[in-house]
């Protein structure tokens, strides 16, 4: 598949593309699934589990509280 740019558009540099788990935060291992989408109950935001891991920024209190409260997630040592 080939991507086309419209006149005046430029491609994003690699450093401008956000990467899951980049920067300070926490990574949890999903003990039950290698891939799934979690929906946070309060905000309805999705969290993606990929290769049995989910990473969240340190500032995401809702996600951290959710993951720490459920036995199927284990906090990995950073």
N, C-alpha and C. Protein backbone atom coordinates (compact mmCIF):
# COMPACT_ATOMS: atom_id res chain seq x y z
N UNK A 1 0.85 -1.17 0.00
CA UNK A 1 0.00 0.00 0.00
C UNK A 1 0.90 1.24 0.00
N UNK A 2 0.56 2.21 -0.80
CA UNK A 2 1.35 3.42 -0.90
C UNK A 2 0.53 4.60 -0.41
N UNK A 3 1.16 5.46 0.40
CA UNK A 3 0.49 6.65 0.93
C UNK A 3 0.82 7.84 0.04
N UNK A 4 -0.16 8.65 -0.23
CA UNK A 4 0.04 9.84 -1.04
C UNK A 4 -0.18 11.08 -0.19
N UNK A 5 0.61 12.10 -0.42
CA UNK A 5 0.48 13.37 0.29
C UNK A 5 -0.13 14.40 -0.64
N UNK A 6 -0.97 15.24 -0.10
CA UNK A 6 -1.53 16.35 -0.86
C UNK A 6 -0.48 17.46 -0.94
N UNK A 7 -0.58 18.33 -1.93
CA UNK A 7 0.38 19.44 -2.02
C UNK A 7 0.41 20.24 -0.73
N UNK A 8 1.61 20.54 -0.26
CA UNK A 8 1.80 21.30 0.97
C UNK A 8 1.90 20.45 2.22
N UNK A 9 1.59 19.15 2.15
CA UNK A 9 1.69 18.26 3.30
C UNK A 9 3.09 17.67 3.38
N UNK A 10 3.50 17.38 4.59
CA UNK A 10 4.78 16.71 4.80
C UNK A 10 4.55 15.51 5.71
N UNK A 11 5.44 14.56 5.64
CA UNK A 11 5.33 13.38 6.50
C UNK A 11 5.86 13.71 7.89
N UNK A 12 5.26 13.12 8.91
CA UNK A 12 5.71 13.33 10.28
C UNK A 12 7.06 12.66 10.49
N UNK A 13 7.92 13.29 11.25
CA UNK A 13 9.18 12.68 11.61
C UNK A 13 8.91 11.59 12.63
N UNK A 14 9.76 10.60 12.68
CA UNK A 14 9.58 9.49 13.61
C UNK A 14 9.44 9.97 15.04
N UNK A 15 10.19 11.00 15.43
CA UNK A 15 10.14 11.49 16.80
C UNK A 15 8.82 12.17 17.15
N UNK A 16 8.04 12.53 16.14
CA UNK A 16 6.76 13.20 16.37
C UNK A 16 5.61 12.21 16.55
N UNK A 17 5.85 10.95 16.25
CA UNK A 17 4.80 9.94 16.33
C UNK A 17 4.82 9.35 17.73
N UNK A 18 3.69 9.45 18.48
CA UNK A 18 3.67 8.91 19.84
C UNK A 18 3.81 7.40 19.83
N UNK A 19 4.56 6.88 20.79
CA UNK A 19 4.77 5.44 20.93
C UNK A 19 4.19 5.00 22.26
N UNK A 20 3.39 3.94 22.24
CA UNK A 20 2.81 3.43 23.48
C UNK A 20 3.91 3.05 24.45
N UNK A 21 3.80 3.52 25.66
CA UNK A 21 4.77 3.19 26.67
C UNK A 21 5.98 4.10 26.69
N UNK A 22 6.05 5.05 25.75
CA UNK A 22 7.20 5.95 25.72
C UNK A 22 7.10 6.95 26.86
N UNK A 23 8.22 7.29 27.44
CA UNK A 23 8.24 8.25 28.53
C UNK A 23 7.97 7.58 29.85
N UNK A 24 7.96 8.38 30.92
CA UNK A 24 7.75 7.80 32.25
C UNK A 24 6.34 7.24 32.40
N UNK A 25 6.27 6.11 33.04
CA UNK A 25 4.97 5.49 33.25
C UNK A 25 5.15 4.09 33.81
N UNK A 26 4.10 3.29 33.70
CA UNK A 26 4.12 1.93 34.22
C UNK A 26 3.66 0.96 33.16
N UNK A 27 4.25 -0.23 33.19
CA UNK A 27 3.85 -1.30 32.28
C UNK A 27 3.35 -2.47 33.10
N UNK A 28 2.20 -3.00 32.69
CA UNK A 28 1.58 -4.12 33.37
C UNK A 28 1.52 -5.32 32.43
N UNK A 29 1.67 -6.51 32.99
CA UNK A 29 1.50 -7.75 32.23
C UNK A 29 0.08 -8.23 32.42
N UNK A 30 -0.56 -8.58 31.32
CA UNK A 30 -1.89 -9.16 31.35
C UNK A 30 -1.73 -10.66 31.50
N UNK A 31 -2.21 -11.21 32.61
CA UNK A 31 -2.03 -12.63 32.91
C UNK A 31 -3.00 -13.53 32.13
N UNK A 32 -4.05 -12.94 31.54
CA UNK A 32 -5.07 -13.75 30.88
C UNK A 32 -5.02 -13.70 29.36
N UNK A 33 -4.70 -12.54 28.79
CA UNK A 33 -4.79 -12.36 27.34
C UNK A 33 -3.50 -11.74 26.79
N UNK A 34 -3.18 -12.10 25.56
CA UNK A 34 -2.04 -11.47 24.90
C UNK A 34 -2.46 -10.24 24.12
N UNK A 35 -3.74 -10.15 23.79
CA UNK A 35 -4.25 -9.01 23.05
C UNK A 35 -5.72 -8.79 23.40
N UNK A 36 -6.05 -7.58 23.77
CA UNK A 36 -7.45 -7.20 24.03
C UNK A 36 -7.51 -5.70 24.22
N UNK A 37 -8.72 -5.16 24.20
CA UNK A 37 -8.94 -3.75 24.46
C UNK A 37 -9.72 -3.62 25.75
N UNK A 38 -9.17 -2.87 26.69
CA UNK A 38 -9.83 -2.60 27.97
C UNK A 38 -10.55 -1.27 27.84
N UNK A 39 -11.74 -1.17 28.41
CA UNK A 39 -12.49 0.09 28.42
C UNK A 39 -12.57 0.55 29.87
N UNK A 40 -11.98 1.72 30.13
CA UNK A 40 -12.01 2.25 31.51
C UNK A 40 -13.44 2.64 31.86
N UNK A 41 -13.94 2.21 33.01
CA UNK A 41 -15.35 2.41 33.35
C UNK A 41 -15.77 3.87 33.54
N UNK A 42 -14.92 4.70 34.08
CA UNK A 42 -15.32 6.09 34.36
C UNK A 42 -15.34 6.96 33.11
N UNK A 43 -14.30 6.87 32.30
CA UNK A 43 -14.19 7.76 31.13
C UNK A 43 -14.59 7.08 29.83
N UNK A 44 -14.60 5.75 29.82
CA UNK A 44 -14.90 5.03 28.58
C UNK A 44 -13.72 4.96 27.63
N UNK A 45 -12.54 5.40 28.09
CA UNK A 45 -11.34 5.38 27.24
C UNK A 45 -10.84 3.95 27.06
N UNK A 46 -10.31 3.64 25.88
CA UNK A 46 -9.74 2.31 25.67
C UNK A 46 -8.27 2.25 26.07
N UNK A 47 -7.86 1.09 26.55
CA UNK A 47 -6.45 0.77 26.78
C UNK A 47 -6.16 -0.49 25.99
N UNK A 48 -5.12 -0.48 25.19
CA UNK A 48 -4.79 -1.63 24.36
C UNK A 48 -3.76 -2.52 25.03
N UNK A 49 -4.07 -3.81 25.10
CA UNK A 49 -3.12 -4.82 25.55
C UNK A 49 -2.51 -5.40 24.29
N UNK A 50 -1.17 -5.40 24.22
CA UNK A 50 -0.45 -5.91 23.05
C UNK A 50 0.73 -6.73 23.55
N UNK A 51 0.84 -7.94 23.05
CA UNK A 51 1.88 -8.87 23.50
C UNK A 51 1.84 -9.05 25.01
N UNK A 52 0.63 -9.15 25.54
CA UNK A 52 0.36 -9.37 26.97
C UNK A 52 0.82 -8.22 27.86
N UNK A 53 0.98 -7.02 27.29
CA UNK A 53 1.39 -5.87 28.09
C UNK A 53 0.54 -4.65 27.76
N UNK A 54 0.38 -3.81 28.77
CA UNK A 54 -0.28 -2.52 28.59
C UNK A 54 0.54 -1.49 29.35
N UNK A 55 0.85 -0.38 28.68
CA UNK A 55 1.65 0.68 29.29
C UNK A 55 0.80 1.94 29.43
N UNK A 56 0.96 2.61 30.57
CA UNK A 56 0.22 3.84 30.81
C UNK A 56 1.16 4.90 31.38
N UNK A 57 0.91 6.17 31.04
CA UNK A 57 1.75 7.24 31.60
C UNK A 57 1.54 7.37 33.11
N UNK A 58 2.55 7.88 33.78
CA UNK A 58 2.49 8.06 35.23
C UNK A 58 1.35 9.00 35.64
N UNK A 59 0.99 9.92 34.76
CA UNK A 59 -0.05 10.90 35.08
C UNK A 59 -1.47 10.37 34.88
N UNK A 60 -1.61 9.17 34.33
CA UNK A 60 -2.94 8.61 34.06
C UNK A 60 -3.45 7.87 35.29
N UNK A 61 -3.96 8.61 36.25
CA UNK A 61 -4.41 8.05 37.53
C UNK A 61 -5.54 7.05 37.35
N UNK A 62 -6.47 7.33 36.44
CA UNK A 62 -7.61 6.42 36.24
C UNK A 62 -7.13 5.05 35.75
N UNK A 63 -6.25 5.02 34.77
CA UNK A 63 -5.76 3.76 34.23
C UNK A 63 -4.93 3.01 35.26
N UNK A 64 -4.07 3.71 35.98
CA UNK A 64 -3.24 3.07 37.01
C UNK A 64 -4.11 2.45 38.10
N UNK A 65 -5.11 3.18 38.55
CA UNK A 65 -6.01 2.67 39.59
C UNK A 65 -6.75 1.43 39.10
N UNK A 66 -7.21 1.47 37.84
CA UNK A 66 -7.94 0.33 37.28
C UNK A 66 -7.04 -0.90 37.20
N UNK A 67 -5.85 -0.75 36.66
CA UNK A 67 -4.94 -1.89 36.48
C UNK A 67 -4.47 -2.47 37.81
N UNK A 68 -4.20 -1.61 38.79
CA UNK A 68 -3.75 -2.08 40.10
C UNK A 68 -4.86 -2.80 40.87
N UNK A 69 -6.13 -2.48 40.57
CA UNK A 69 -7.26 -3.04 41.29
C UNK A 69 -7.68 -4.43 40.78
N UNK A 70 -7.14 -4.87 39.64
CA UNK A 70 -7.56 -6.14 39.06
C UNK A 70 -6.42 -7.16 39.09
N UNK A 71 -6.72 -8.35 39.58
CA UNK A 71 -5.72 -9.40 39.75
C UNK A 71 -5.09 -9.88 38.44
N UNK A 72 -5.78 -9.71 37.32
CA UNK A 72 -5.22 -10.23 36.07
C UNK A 72 -4.10 -9.36 35.50
N UNK A 73 -3.78 -8.25 36.17
CA UNK A 73 -2.69 -7.38 35.74
C UNK A 73 -1.59 -7.35 36.80
N UNK A 74 -0.37 -7.52 36.34
CA UNK A 74 0.80 -7.54 37.23
C UNK A 74 1.73 -6.41 36.81
N UNK A 75 2.09 -5.54 37.77
CA UNK A 75 3.01 -4.44 37.50
C UNK A 75 4.40 -5.01 37.26
N UNK A 76 5.00 -4.66 36.11
CA UNK A 76 6.33 -5.14 35.78
C UNK A 76 7.36 -4.18 36.36
N UNK A 77 8.50 -4.72 36.74
CA UNK A 77 9.58 -3.90 37.27
C UNK A 77 10.20 -3.11 36.13
N UNK A 78 10.36 -1.83 36.33
CA UNK A 78 10.93 -0.96 35.30
C UNK A 78 12.42 -0.90 35.44
